[in-house]
Amino acid sequence: MARLERLADKLDSRFSLFGIRFGYDSIIGLLPGIGDVAAAAPGAWIVFEGHRMGARPSVVARMAANSGIDIVVGSIPVLGDVFDVGFKANRRNIALLRRELEKDAAAVARRAERRRTQHG
C-alpha cells in the first residue's frame, strides 16, 4: 500500500507552484496526443493492484471510473490540463482502496473477536 501511495503522490501531488499541487500526470498530460494515454498506464496499475489486493468489484469499478474520467476529460486541450490538476484520480483511487482495506481489516477483527468470545 505504501508503494501505491508514493506512486499516486508522484503522479498527482509531487510539485507545488503558487500553492497548487500537481504531479507527473499533469506534466505528461501536456504532451499533445500521447500525454494522457502515457499517464494512464501507472493509474491503471493502481487499479489493477487494488483488484489484486482484494478490493470488492464495486470499489475497483469506482477506481476504474476515476481513471477513465481522468483520461477522457484530461484529453481535452487546456481545459483537461486544468481538470487534471484538480481531480487527482490517483489520489482518489488510493483513498478508495485504503478505506476498502481498512473496512476489510475491521471486519476480520470483529469476526475474530466473536469467535474468541464464543469459545472462551
PDB file of N, CA and C in Angstrom:
ATOM      1  N   MET A   1       0.827  -1.192   0.000  1.00  0.00           N
ATOM      2  CA  MET A   1       0.000   0.000   0.000  1.00  0.00           C
ATOM      3  C   MET A   1       0.875   1.261   0.000  1.00  0.00           C
ATOM      4  N   ALA A   2       1.944   1.228   0.756  1.00  0.00           N
ATOM      5  CA  ALA A   2       2.823   2.397   0.825  1.00  0.00           C
ATOM      6  C   ALA A   2       3.425   2.705  -0.541  1.00  0.00           C
ATOM      7  N   ARG A   3       3.768   1.663  -1.285  1.00  0.00           N
ATOM      8  CA  ARG A   3       4.331   1.851  -2.622  1.00  0.00           C
ATOM      9  C   ARG A   3       3.306   2.516  -3.548  1.00  0.00           C
ATOM     10  N   LEU A   4       2.056   2.093  -3.458  1.00  0.00           N
ATOM     11  CA  LEU A   4       0.996   2.697  -4.283  1.00  0.00           C
ATOM     12  C   LEU A   4       0.756   4.154  -3.886  1.00  0.00           C
ATOM     13  N   GLU A   5       0.814   4.424  -2.584  1.00  0.00           N
ATOM     14  CA  GLU A   5       0.630   5.805  -2.120  1.00  0.00           C
ATOM     15  C   GLU A   5       1.743   6.718  -2.642  1.00  0.00           C
ATOM     16  N   ARG A   6       2.970   6.221  -2.619  1.00  0.00           N
ATOM     17  CA  ARG A   6       4.089   7.027  -3.146  1.00  0.00           C
ATOM     18  C   ARG A   6       3.911   7.292  -4.636  1.00  0.00           C
ATOM     19  N   LEU A   7       3.478   6.277  -5.375  1.00  0.00           N
ATOM     20  CA  LEU A   7       3.248   6.452  -6.817  1.00  0.00           C
ATOM     21  C   LEU A   7       2.152   7.486  -7.056  1.00  0.00           C
ATOM     22  N   ALA A   8       1.052   7.385  -6.337  1.00  0.00           N
ATOM     23  CA  ALA A   8      -0.054   8.339  -6.506  1.00  0.00           C
ATOM     24  C   ALA A   8       0.401   9.759  -6.172  1.00  0.00           C
ATOM     25  N   ASP A   9       1.201   9.911  -5.133  1.00  0.00           N
ATOM     26  CA  ASP A   9       1.708  11.242  -4.784  1.00  0.00           C
ATOM     27  C   ASP A   9       2.596  11.801  -5.889  1.00  0.00           C
ATOM     28  N   LYS A  10       3.452  10.961  -6.464  1.00  0.00           N
ATOM     29  CA  LYS A  10       4.301  11.424  -7.571  1.00  0.00           C
ATOM     30  C   LYS A  10       3.457  11.813  -8.774  1.00  0.00           C
ATOM     31  N   LEU A  11       2.424  11.039  -9.043  1.00  0.00           N
ATOM     32  CA  LEU A  11       1.591  11.314 -10.208  1.00  0.00           C
ATOM     33  C   LEU A  11       0.718  12.554 -10.032  1.00  0.00           C
ATOM     34  N   ASP A  12       0.215  12.779  -8.824  1.00  0.00           N
ATOM     35  CA  ASP A  12      -0.784  13.835  -8.620  1.00  0.00           C
ATOM     36  C   ASP A  12      -0.336  15.018  -7.774  1.00  0.00           C
ATOM     37  N   SER A  13       0.694  14.876  -6.953  1.00  0.00           N
ATOM     38  CA  SER A  13       0.989  15.939  -5.982  1.00  0.00           C
ATOM     39  C   SER A  13       2.471  16.169  -5.742  1.00  0.00           C
ATOM     40  N   ARG A  14       3.318  15.784  -6.634  1.00  0.00           N
ATOM     41  CA  ARG A  14       4.765  15.840  -6.422  1.00  0.00           C
ATOM     42  C   ARG A  14       5.297  17.263  -6.281  1.00  0.00           C
ATOM     43  N   PHE A  15       4.725  18.195  -7.020  1.00  0.00           N
ATOM     44  CA  PHE A  15       5.236  19.564  -7.075  1.00  0.00           C
ATOM     45  C   PHE A  15       4.190  20.546  -6.570  1.00  0.00           C
ATOM     46  N   SER A  16       4.661  21.726  -6.217  1.00  0.00           N
ATOM     47  CA  SER A  16       3.765  22.797  -5.806  1.00  0.00           C
ATOM     48  C   SER A  16       4.224  24.096  -6.455  1.00  0.00           C
ATOM     49  N   LEU A  17       3.281  24.806  -7.016  1.00  0.00           N
ATOM     50  CA  LEU A  17       3.566  26.103  -7.630  1.00  0.00           C
ATOM     51  C   LEU A  17       2.440  27.050  -7.230  1.00  0.00           C
ATOM     52  N   PHE A  18       2.786  28.107  -6.519  1.00  0.00           N
ATOM     53  CA  PHE A  18       1.805  29.075  -6.020  1.00  0.00           C
ATOM     54  C   PHE A  18       0.723  28.386  -5.184  1.00  0.00           C
ATOM     55  N   GLY A  19       1.118  27.370  -4.419  1.00  0.00           N
ATOM     56  CA  GLY A  19       0.186  26.664  -3.553  1.00  0.00           C
ATOM     57  C   GLY A  19      -0.663  25.616  -4.243  1.00  0.00           C
ATOM     58  N   ILE A  20      -0.476  25.427  -5.525  1.00  0.00           N
ATOM     59  CA  ILE A  20      -1.237  24.427  -6.275  1.00  0.00           C
ATOM     60  C   ILE A  20      -0.370  23.187  -6.440  1.00  0.00           C
ATOM     61  N   ARG A  21      -0.878  22.053  -5.964  1.00  0.00           N
ATOM     62  CA  ARG A  21      -0.132  20.794  -6.056  1.00  0.00           C
ATOM     63  C   ARG A  21      -0.456  20.104  -7.372  1.00  0.00           C
ATOM     64  N   PHE A  22       0.577  19.574  -8.019  1.00  0.00           N
ATOM     65  CA  PHE A  22       0.408  18.820  -9.255  1.00  0.00           C
ATOM     66  C   PHE A  22       1.548  17.824  -9.349  1.00  0.00           C
ATOM     67  N   GLY A  23       1.413  16.881 -10.266  1.00  0.00           N
ATOM     68  CA  GLY A  23       2.435  15.851 -10.372  1.00  0.00           C
ATOM     69  C   GLY A  23       2.756  15.515 -11.809  1.00  0.00           C
ATOM     70  N   TYR A  24       3.431  14.394 -11.954  1.00  0.00           N
ATOM     71  CA  TYR A  24       3.873  13.977 -13.277  1.00  0.00           C
ATOM     72  C   TYR A  24       2.701  13.721 -14.220  1.00  0.00           C
ATOM     73  N   ASP A  25       1.566  13.289 -13.708  1.00  0.00           N
ATOM     74  CA  ASP A  25       0.380  13.067 -14.542  1.00  0.00           C
ATOM     75  C   ASP A  25      -0.003  14.351 -15.267  1.00  0.00           C
ATOM     76  N   SER A  26       0.004  15.464 -14.558  1.00  0.00           N
ATOM     77  CA  SER A  26      -0.351  16.749 -15.163  1.00  0.00           C
ATOM     78  C   SER A  26       0.704  17.208 -16.165  1.00  0.00           C
ATOM     79  N   ILE A  27       1.958  16.957 -15.859  1.00  0.00           N
ATOM     80  CA  ILE A  27       3.041  17.388 -16.747  1.00  0.00           C
ATOM     81  C   ILE A  27       3.041  16.557 -18.029  1.00  0.00           C
ATOM     82  N   ILE A  28       2.953  15.233 -17.876  1.00  0.00           N
ATOM     83  CA  ILE A  28       2.936  14.351 -19.054  1.00  0.00           C
ATOM     84  C   ILE A  28       1.698  14.618 -19.895  1.00  0.00           C
ATOM     85  N   GLY A  29       0.591  14.930 -19.234  1.00  0.00           N
ATOM     86  CA  GLY A  29      -0.659  15.210 -19.941  1.00  0.00           C
ATOM     87  C   GLY A  29      -0.589  16.414 -20.859  1.00  0.00           C
ATOM     88  N   LEU A  30       0.395  17.258 -20.680  1.00  0.00           N
ATOM     89  CA  LEU A  30       0.554  18.425 -21.559  1.00  0.00           C
ATOM     90  C   LEU A  30       1.025  18.035 -22.963  1.00  0.00           C
ATOM     91  N   LEU A  31       1.602  16.848 -23.103  1.00  0.00           N
ATOM     92  CA  LEU A  31       2.066  16.403 -24.418  1.00  0.00           C
ATOM     93  C   LEU A  31       0.858  16.077 -25.296  1.00  0.00           C
ATOM     94  N   PRO A  32       0.703  16.782 -26.411  1.00  0.00           N
ATOM     95  CA  PRO A  32      -0.472  16.549 -27.269  1.00  0.00           C
ATOM     96  C   PRO A  32      -0.522  15.113 -27.792  1.00  0.00           C
ATOM     97  N   GLY A  33      -1.708  14.547 -27.766  1.00  0.00           N
ATOM     98  CA  GLY A  33      -1.924  13.237 -28.347  1.00  0.00           C
ATOM     99  C   GLY A  33      -1.562  12.068 -27.455  1.00  0.00           C
ATOM    100  N   ILE A  34      -0.326  11.970 -27.026  1.00  0.00           N
ATOM    101  CA  ILE A  34       0.105  10.787 -26.283  1.00  0.00           C
ATOM    102  C   ILE A  34       0.209  10.990 -24.777  1.00  0.00           C
ATOM    103  N   GLY A  35       0.200  12.214 -24.335  1.00  0.00           N
ATOM    104  CA  GLY A  35       0.433  12.500 -22.922  1.00  0.00           C
ATOM    105  C   GLY A  35      -0.550  11.837 -21.981  1.00  0.00           C
ATOM    106  N   ASP A  36      -1.839  11.993 -22.255  1.00  0.00           N
ATOM    107  CA  ASP A  36      -2.847  11.432 -21.349  1.00  0.00           C
ATOM    108  C   ASP A  36      -2.853   9.915 -21.387  1.00  0.00           C
ATOM    109  N   VAL A  37      -2.592   9.347 -22.563  1.00  0.00           N
ATOM    110  CA  VAL A  37      -2.535   7.891 -22.663  1.00  0.00           C
ATOM    111  C   VAL A  37      -1.323   7.365 -21.889  1.00  0.00           C
ATOM    112  N   ALA A  38      -0.190   8.022 -22.032  1.00  0.00           N
ATOM    113  CA  ALA A  38       1.021   7.600 -21.317  1.00  0.00           C
ATOM    114  C   ALA A  38       0.839   7.732 -19.806  1.00  0.00           C
ATOM    115  N   ALA A  39       0.164   8.772 -19.379  1.00  0.00           N
ATOM    116  CA  ALA A  39      -0.057   8.982 -17.947  1.00  0.00           C
ATOM    117  C   ALA A  39      -1.080   7.994 -17.386  1.00  0.00           C
ATOM    118  N   ALA A  40      -1.878   7.382 -18.258  1.00  0.00           N
ATOM    119  CA  ALA A  40      -2.902   6.444 -17.806  1.00  0.00           C
ATOM    120  C   ALA A  40      -2.318   5.112 -17.334  1.00  0.00           C
ATOM    121  N   ALA A  41      -1.162   4.725 -17.855  1.00  0.00           N
ATOM    122  CA  ALA A  41      -0.594   3.411 -17.521  1.00  0.00           C
ATOM    123  C   ALA A  41      -0.347   3.231 -16.024  1.00  0.00           C
ATOM    124  N   PRO A  42       0.324   4.175 -15.346  1.00  0.00           N
ATOM    125  CA  PRO A  42       0.516   3.981 -13.896  1.00  0.00           C
ATOM    126  C   PRO A  42      -0.805   3.992 -13.131  1.00  0.00           C
ATOM    127  N   GLY A  43      -1.769   4.783 -13.600  1.00  0.00           N
ATOM    128  CA  GLY A  43      -3.082   4.804 -12.953  1.00  0.00           C
ATOM    129  C   GLY A  43      -3.795   3.466 -13.101  1.00  0.00           C
ATOM    130  N   ALA A  44      -3.656   2.853 -14.269  1.00  0.00           N
ATOM    131  CA  ALA A  44      -4.252   1.534 -14.496  1.00  0.00           C
ATOM    132  C   ALA A  44      -3.597   0.497 -13.583  1.00  0.00           C
ATOM    133  N   TRP A  45      -2.312   0.645 -13.353  1.00  0.00           N
ATOM    134  CA  TRP A  45      -1.604  -0.280 -12.466  1.00  0.00           C
ATOM    135  C   TRP A  45      -2.143  -0.166 -11.042  1.00  0.00           C
ATOM    136  N   ILE A  46      -2.437   1.051 -10.598  1.00  0.00           N
ATOM    137  CA  ILE A  46      -3.006   1.241  -9.257  1.00  0.00           C
ATOM    138  C   ILE A  46      -4.349   0.518  -9.159  1.00  0.00           C
ATOM    139  N   VAL A  47      -5.176   0.642 -10.201  1.00  0.00           N
ATOM    140  CA  VAL A  47      -6.477  -0.038 -10.212  1.00  0.00           C
ATOM    141  C   VAL A  47      -6.276  -1.560 -10.175  1.00  0.00           C
ATOM    142  N   PHE A  48      -5.358  -2.061 -10.991  1.00  0.00           N
ATOM    143  CA  PHE A  48      -5.083  -3.496 -11.019  1.00  0.00           C
ATOM    144  C   PHE A  48      -4.604  -3.990  -9.654  1.00  0.00           C
ATOM    145  N   GLU A  49      -3.727  -3.246  -9.024  1.00  0.00           N
ATOM    146  CA  GLU A  49      -3.232  -3.634  -7.700  1.00  0.00           C
ATOM    147  C   GLU A  49      -4.368  -3.636  -6.677  1.00  0.00           C
ATOM    148  N   GLY A  50      -5.296  -2.687  -6.802  1.00  0.00           N
ATOM    149  CA  GLY A  50      -6.461  -2.689  -5.917  1.00  0.00           C
ATOM    150  C   GLY A  50      -7.254  -3.978  -6.063  1.00  0.00           C
ATOM    151  N   HIS A  51      -7.436  -4.416  -7.291  1.00  0.00           N
ATOM    152  CA  HIS A  51      -8.118  -5.685  -7.553  1.00  0.00           C
ATOM    153  C   HIS A  51      -7.336  -6.839  -6.938  1.00  0.00           C
ATOM    154  N   ARG A  52      -6.033  -6.844  -7.167  1.00  0.00           N
ATOM    155  CA  ARG A  52      -5.164  -7.908  -6.669  1.00  0.00           C
ATOM    156  C   ARG A  52      -5.141  -7.955  -5.143  1.00  0.00           C
ATOM    157  N   MET A  53      -5.278  -6.809  -4.501  1.00  0.00           N
ATOM    158  CA  MET A  53      -5.252  -6.742  -3.045  1.00  0.00           C
ATOM    159  C   MET A  53      -6.589  -7.142  -2.416  1.00  0.00           C
ATOM    160  N   GLY A  54      -7.589  -7.424  -3.246  1.00  0.00           N
ATOM    161  CA  GLY A  54      -8.855  -7.931  -2.738  1.00  0.00           C
ATOM    162  C   GLY A  54      -9.969  -6.922  -2.597  1.00  0.00           C
ATOM    163  N   ALA A  55      -9.831  -5.761  -3.214  1.00  0.00           N
ATOM    164  CA  ALA A  55     -10.921  -4.782  -3.157  1.00  0.00           C
ATOM    165  C   ALA A  55     -12.157  -5.362  -3.839  1.00  0.00           C
ATOM    166  N   ARG A  56     -13.325  -5.046  -3.305  1.00  0.00           N
ATOM    167  CA  ARG A  56     -14.572  -5.520  -3.908  1.00  0.00           C
ATOM    168  C   ARG A  56     -14.689  -4.999  -5.339  1.00  0.00           C
ATOM    169  N   PRO A  57     -15.399  -5.719  -6.200  1.00  0.00           N
ATOM    170  CA  PRO A  57     -15.564  -5.275  -7.591  1.00  0.00           C
ATOM    171  C   PRO A  57     -16.163  -3.874  -7.715  1.00  0.00           C
ATOM    172  N   SER A  58     -17.058  -3.502  -6.812  1.00  0.00           N
ATOM    173  CA  SER A  58     -17.649  -2.165  -6.878  1.00  0.00           C
ATOM    174  C   SER A  58     -16.606  -1.077  -6.627  1.00  0.00           C
ATOM    175  N   VAL A  59     -15.659  -1.347  -5.741  1.00  0.00           N
ATOM    176  CA  VAL A  59     -14.595  -0.380  -5.450  1.00  0.00           C
ATOM    177  C   VAL A  59     -13.635  -0.306  -6.634  1.00  0.00           C
ATOM    178  N   VAL A  60     -13.281  -1.454  -7.190  1.00  0.00           N
ATOM    179  CA  VAL A  60     -12.402  -1.469  -8.365  1.00  0.00           C
ATOM    180  C   VAL A  60     -13.078  -0.733  -9.522  1.00  0.00           C
ATOM    181  N   ALA A  61     -14.390  -0.909  -9.681  1.00  0.00           N
ATOM    182  CA  ALA A  61     -15.124  -0.203 -10.740  1.00  0.00           C
ATOM    183  C   ALA A  61     -15.084   1.303 -10.521  1.00  0.00           C
ATOM    184  N   ARG A  62     -15.227   1.752  -9.275  1.00  0.00           N
ATOM    185  CA  ARG A  62     -15.138   3.192  -8.989  1.00  0.00           C
ATOM    186  C   ARG A  62     -13.744   3.719  -9.284  1.00  0.00           C
ATOM    187  N   MET A  63     -12.729   2.925  -8.945  1.00  0.00           N
ATOM    188  CA  MET A  63     -11.356   3.327  -9.236  1.00  0.00           C
ATOM    189  C   MET A  63     -11.152   3.431 -10.752  1.00  0.00           C
ATOM    190  N   ALA A  64     -11.669   2.449 -11.491  1.00  0.00           N
ATOM    191  CA  ALA A  64     -11.543   2.471 -12.951  1.00  0.00           C
ATOM    192  C   ALA A  64     -12.295   3.669 -13.538  1.00  0.00           C
ATOM    193  N   ALA A  65     -13.441   3.992 -12.961  1.00  0.00           N
ATOM    194  CA  ALA A  65     -14.204   5.159 -13.432  1.00  0.00           C
ATOM    195  C   ALA A  65     -13.420   6.449 -13.201  1.00  0.00           C
ATOM    196  N   ASN A  66     -12.786   6.571 -12.037  1.00  0.00           N
ATOM    197  CA  ASN A  66     -11.959   7.757 -11.771  1.00  0.00           C
ATOM    198  C   ASN A  66     -10.853   7.884 -12.812  1.00  0.00           C
ATOM    199  N   SER A  67     -10.185   6.763 -13.108  1.00  0.00           N
ATOM    200  CA  SER A  67      -9.107   6.786 -14.095  1.00  0.00           C
ATOM    201  C   SER A  67      -9.656   7.105 -15.484  1.00  0.00           C
ATOM    202  N   GLY A  68     -10.809   6.554 -15.810  1.00  0.00           N
ATOM    203  CA  GLY A  68     -11.436   6.835 -17.105  1.00  0.00           C
ATOM    204  C   GLY A  68     -11.801   8.297 -17.265  1.00  0.00           C
ATOM    205  N   ILE A  69     -12.374   8.866 -16.224  1.00  0.00           N
ATOM    206  CA  ILE A  69     -12.717  10.297 -16.257  1.00  0.00           C
ATOM    207  C   ILE A  69     -11.452  11.124 -16.450  1.00  0.00           C
ATOM    208  N   ASP A  70     -10.393  10.761 -15.748  1.00  0.00           N
ATOM    209  CA  ASP A  70      -9.115  11.468 -15.864  1.00  0.00           C
ATOM    210  C   ASP A  70      -8.604  11.422 -17.304  1.00  0.00           C
ATOM    211  N   ILE A  71      -8.711  10.263 -17.944  1.00  0.00           N
ATOM    212  CA  ILE A  71      -8.228  10.122 -19.321  1.00  0.00           C
ATOM    213  C   ILE A  71      -9.101  10.926 -20.289  1.00  0.00           C
ATOM    214  N   VAL A  72     -10.408  10.753 -20.192  1.00  0.00           N
ATOM    215  CA  VAL A  72     -11.321  11.385 -21.155  1.00  0.00           C
ATOM    216  C   VAL A  72     -11.304  12.899 -21.015  1.00  0.00           C
ATOM    217  N   VAL A  73     -11.525  13.400 -19.815  1.00  0.00           N
ATOM    218  CA  VAL A  73     -11.565  14.857 -19.634  1.00  0.00           C
ATOM    219  C   VAL A  73     -10.162  15.442 -19.793  1.00  0.00           C
ATOM    220  N   GLY A  74      -9.155  14.715 -19.332  1.00  0.00           N
ATOM    221  CA  GLY A  74      -7.784  15.186 -19.456  1.00  0.00           C
ATOM    222  C   GLY A  74      -7.323  15.336 -20.891  1.00  0.00           C
ATOM    223  N   SER A  75      -7.975  14.642 -21.808  1.00  0.00           N
ATOM    224  CA  SER A  75      -7.577  14.728 -23.218  1.00  0.00           C
ATOM    225  C   SER A  75      -8.091  15.994 -23.904  1.00  0.00           C
ATOM    226  N   ILE A  76      -8.961  16.734 -23.250  1.00  0.00           N
ATOM    227  CA  ILE A  76      -9.453  17.998 -23.817  1.00  0.00           C
ATOM    228  C   ILE A  76      -8.349  19.046 -23.659  1.00  0.00           C
ATOM    229  N   PRO A  77      -7.917  19.650 -24.764  1.00  0.00           N
ATOM    230  CA  PRO A  77      -6.834  20.644 -24.668  1.00  0.00           C
ATOM    231  C   PRO A  77      -7.158  21.762 -23.664  1.00  0.00           C
ATOM    232  N   VAL A  78      -6.212  22.158 -22.922  1.00  0.00           N
ATOM    233  CA  VAL A  78      -6.220  23.225 -21.925  1.00  0.00           C
ATOM    234  C   VAL A  78      -7.195  22.930 -20.777  1.00  0.00           C
ATOM    235  N   LEU A  79      -8.481  22.821 -21.051  1.00  0.00           N
ATOM    236  CA  LEU A  79      -9.458  22.541 -20.006  1.00  0.00           C
ATOM    237  C   LEU A  79      -9.113  21.233 -19.296  1.00  0.00           C
ATOM    238  N   GLY A  80      -8.726  20.219 -20.055  1.00  0.00           N
ATOM    239  CA  GLY A  80      -8.368  18.935 -19.477  1.00  0.00           C
ATOM    240  C   GLY A  80      -7.144  19.023 -18.595  1.00  0.00           C
ATOM    241  N   ASP A  81      -6.196  19.865 -18.981  1.00  0.00           N
ATOM    242  CA  ASP A  81      -4.987  20.038 -18.173  1.00  0.00           C
ATOM    243  C   ASP A  81      -5.308  20.690 -16.836  1.00  0.00           C
ATOM    244  N   VAL A  82      -6.207  21.649 -16.841  1.00  0.00           N
ATOM    245  CA  VAL A  82      -6.649  22.304 -15.600  1.00  0.00           C
ATOM    246  C   VAL A  82      -7.416  21.288 -14.740  1.00  0.00           C
ATOM    247  N   PHE A  83      -8.277  20.517 -15.386  1.00  0.00           N
ATOM    248  CA  PHE A  83      -9.042  19.489 -14.681  1.00  0.00           C
ATOM    249  C   PHE A  83      -8.105  18.484 -14.011  1.00  0.00           C
ATOM    250  N   ASP A  84      -7.069  18.069 -14.736  1.00  0.00           N
ATOM    251  CA  ASP A  84      -6.091  17.103 -14.221  1.00  0.00           C
ATOM    252  C   ASP A  84      -5.475  17.554 -12.904  1.00  0.00           C
ATOM    253  N   VAL A  85      -5.157  18.820 -12.809  1.00  0.00           N
ATOM    254  CA  VAL A  85      -4.529  19.356 -11.600  1.00  0.00           C
ATOM    255  C   VAL A  85      -5.483  19.263 -10.412  1.00  0.00           C
ATOM    256  N   GLY A  86      -6.767  19.464 -10.657  1.00  0.00           N
ATOM    257  CA  GLY A  86      -7.731  19.465  -9.557  1.00  0.00           C
ATOM    258  C   GLY A  86      -8.333  18.114  -9.224  1.00  0.00           C
ATOM    259  N   PHE A  87      -8.503  17.246 -10.203  1.00  0.00           N
ATOM    260  CA  PHE A  87      -9.223  15.984  -9.997  1.00  0.00           C
ATOM    261  C   PHE A  87      -8.410  14.947  -9.229  1.00  0.00           C
ATOM    262  N   LYS A  88      -7.152  14.789  -9.545  1.00  0.00           N
ATOM    263  CA  LYS A  88      -6.239  13.880  -8.841  1.00  0.00           C
ATOM    264  C   LYS A  88      -6.810  12.466  -8.711  1.00  0.00           C
ATOM    265  N   ALA A  89      -7.053  11.836  -9.846  1.00  0.00           N
ATOM    266  CA  ALA A  89      -7.667  10.499  -9.887  1.00  0.00           C
ATOM    267  C   ALA A  89      -6.870   9.470  -9.098  1.00  0.00           C
ATOM    268  N   ASN A  90      -5.565   9.526  -9.168  1.00  0.00           N
ATOM    269  CA  ASN A  90      -4.750   8.515  -8.487  1.00  0.00           C
ATOM    270  C   ASN A  90      -4.854   8.626  -6.971  1.00  0.00           C
ATOM    271  N   ARG A  91      -4.858   9.830  -6.456  1.00  0.00           N
ATOM    272  CA  ARG A  91      -5.023  10.006  -5.009  1.00  0.00           C
ATOM    273  C   ARG A  91      -6.430   9.605  -4.579  1.00  0.00           C
ATOM    274  N   ARG A  92      -7.423   9.886  -5.412  1.00  0.00           N
ATOM    275  CA  ARG A  92      -8.792   9.443  -5.118  1.00  0.00           C
ATOM    276  C   ARG A  92      -8.841   7.913  -5.028  1.00  0.00           C
ATOM    277  N   ASN A  93      -8.170   7.279  -5.987  1.00  0.00           N
ATOM    278  CA  ASN A  93      -8.177   5.816  -6.008  1.00  0.00           C
ATOM    279  C   ASN A  93      -7.470   5.223  -4.800  1.00  0.00           C
ATOM    280  N   ILE A  94      -6.400   5.833  -4.382  1.00  0.00           N
ATOM    281  CA  ILE A  94      -5.700   5.361  -3.190  1.00  0.00           C
ATOM    282  C   ILE A  94      -6.596   5.526  -1.962  1.00  0.00           C
ATOM    283  N   ALA A  95      -7.321   6.635  -1.879  1.00  0.00           N
ATOM    284  CA  ALA A  95      -8.239   6.843  -0.748  1.00  0.00           C
ATOM    285  C   ALA A  95      -9.340   5.780  -0.742  1.00  0.00           C
ATOM    286  N   LEU A  96      -9.884   5.463  -1.913  1.00  0.00           N
ATOM    287  CA  LEU A  96     -10.902   4.410  -2.003  1.00  0.00           C
ATOM    288  C   LEU A  96     -10.330   3.071  -1.548  1.00  0.00           C
ATOM    289  N   LEU A  97      -9.149   2.747  -2.038  1.00  0.00           N
ATOM    290  CA  LEU A  97      -8.528   1.478  -1.703  1.00  0.00           C
ATOM    291  C   LEU A  97      -8.202   1.396  -0.209  1.00  0.00           C
ATOM    292  N   ARG A  98      -7.688   2.467   0.347  1.00  0.00           N
ATOM    293  CA  ARG A  98      -7.355   2.477   1.780  1.00  0.00           C
ATOM    294  C   ARG A  98      -8.623   2.246   2.620  1.00  0.00           C
ATOM    295  N   ARG A  99      -9.700   2.957   2.297  1.00  0.00           N
ATOM    296  CA  ARG A  99     -10.960   2.768   3.044  1.00  0.00           C
ATOM    297  C   ARG A  99     -11.450   1.321   2.920  1.00  0.00           C
ATOM    298  N   GLU A 100     -11.352   0.773   1.725  1.00  0.00           N
ATOM    299  CA  GLU A 100     -11.791  -0.602   1.493  1.00  0.00           C
ATOM    300  C   GLU A 100     -10.972  -1.585   2.327  1.00  0.00           C
ATOM    301  N   LEU A 101      -9.664  -1.439   2.312  1.00  0.00           N
ATOM    302  CA  LEU A 101      -8.815  -2.364   3.054  1.00  0.00           C
ATOM    303  C   LEU A 101      -8.984  -2.191   4.558  1.00  0.00           C
ATOM    304  N   GLU A 102      -9.213  -0.966   5.014  1.00  0.00           N
ATOM    305  CA  GLU A 102      -9.459  -0.740   6.448  1.00  0.00           C
ATOM    306  C   GLU A 102     -10.782  -1.362   6.880  1.00  0.00           C
ATOM    307  N   LYS A 103     -11.818  -1.257   6.035  1.00  0.00           N
ATOM    308  CA  LYS A 103     -13.107  -1.895   6.344  1.00  0.00           C
ATOM    309  C   LYS A 103     -12.927  -3.399   6.440  1.00  0.00           C
ATOM    310  N   ASP A 104     -12.187  -3.953   5.491  1.00  0.00           N
ATOM    311  CA  ASP A 104     -11.949  -5.390   5.465  1.00  0.00           C
ATOM    312  C   ASP A 104     -11.198  -5.830   6.718  1.00  0.00           C
ATOM    313  N   ALA A 105     -10.179  -5.082   7.099  1.00  0.00           N
ATOM    314  CA  ALA A 105      -9.402  -5.426   8.297  1.00  0.00           C
ATOM    315  C   ALA A 105     -10.277  -5.339   9.546  1.00  0.00           C
ATOM    316  N   ALA A 106     -11.148  -4.340   9.611  1.00  0.00           N
ATOM    317  CA  ALA A 106     -12.039  -4.193  10.770  1.00  0.00           C
ATOM    318  C   ALA A 106     -13.030  -5.360  10.828  1.00  0.00           C
ATOM    319  N   ALA A 107     -13.530  -5.791   9.676  1.00  0.00           N
ATOM    320  CA  ALA A 107     -14.464  -6.918   9.644  1.00  0.00           C
ATOM    321  C   ALA A 107     -13.781  -8.204  10.097  1.00  0.00           C
ATOM    322  N   VAL A 108     -12.553  -8.419   9.674  1.00  0.00           N
ATOM    323  CA  VAL A 108     -11.795  -9.601  10.090  1.00  0.00           C
ATOM    324  C   VAL A 108     -11.587  -9.574  11.602  1.00  0.00           C
ATOM    325  N   ALA A 109     -11.242  -8.412  12.144  1.00  0.00           N
ATOM    326  CA  ALA A 109     -11.028  -8.289  13.589  1.00  0.00           C
ATOM    327  C   ALA A 109     -12.323  -8.563  14.358  1.00  0.00           C
ATOM    328  N   ARG A 110     -13.456  -8.072  13.846  1.00  0.00           N
ATOM    329  CA  ARG A 110     -14.744  -8.327  14.520  1.00  0.00           C
ATOM    330  C   ARG A 110     -15.083  -9.819  14.517  1.00  0.00           C
ATOM    331  N   ARG A 111     -14.848 -10.482  13.383  1.00  0.00           N
ATOM    332  CA  ARG A 111     -15.121 -11.921  13.320  1.00  0.00           C
ATOM    333  C   ARG A 111     -14.229 -12.688  14.290  1.00  0.00           C
ATOM    334  N   ALA A 112     -12.968 -12.314  14.373  1.00  0.00           N
ATOM    335  CA  ALA A 112     -12.043 -12.987  15.296  1.00  0.00           C
ATOM    336  C   ALA A 112     -12.490 -12.774  16.742  1.00  0.00           C
ATOM    337  N   GLU A 113     -12.922 -11.578  17.069  1.00  0.00           N
ATOM    338  CA  GLU A 113     -13.384 -11.279  18.431  1.00  0.00           C
ATOM    339  C   GLU A 113     -14.630 -12.091  18.760  1.00  0.00           C
ATOM    340  N   ARG A 114     -15.562 -12.207  17.808  1.00  0.00           N
ATOM    341  CA  ARG A 114     -16.767 -13.013  18.040  1.00  0.00           C
ATOM    342  C   ARG A 114     -16.405 -14.478  18.294  1.00  0.00           C
ATOM    343  N   ARG A 115     -15.458 -14.996  17.501  1.00  0.00           N
ATOM    344  CA  ARG A 115     -15.025 -16.379  17.701  1.00  0.00           C
ATOM    345  C   ARG A 115     -14.383 -16.570  19.069  1.00  0.00           C
ATOM    346  N   ARG A 116     -13.573 -15.584  19.453  1.00  0.00           N
ATOM    347  CA  ARG A 116     -12.887 -15.656  20.744  1.00  0.00           C
ATOM    348  C   ARG A 116     -13.913 -15.664  21.883  1.00  0.00           C
ATOM    349  N   THR A 117     -14.924 -14.825  21.808  1.00  0.00           N
ATOM    350  CA  THR A 117     -15.919 -14.754  22.903  1.00  0.00           C
ATOM    351  C   THR A 117     -16.844 -15.977  22.896  1.00  0.00           C
ATOM    352  N   GLN A 118     -17.073 -16.575  21.737  1.00  0.00           N
ATOM    353  CA  GLN A 118     -17.913 -17.766  21.675  1.00  0.00           C
ATOM    354  C   GLN A 118     -17.205 -18.993  22.248  1.00  0.00           C
ATOM    355  N   HIS A 119     -15.876 -19.045  22.066  1.00  0.00           N
ATOM    356  CA  HIS A 119     -15.125 -20.207  22.506  1.00  0.00           C
ATOM    357  C   HIS A 119     -14.417 -19.989  23.849  1.00  0.00           C
ATOM    358  N   GLY A 120     -14.608 -18.863  24.429  1.00  0.00           N
ATOM    359  CA  GLY A 120     -13.858 -18.588  25.655  1.00  0.00           C
ATOM    360  C   GLY A 120     -14.701 -18.356  26.798  1.00  0.00           C
TER     361      GLY A 120
END
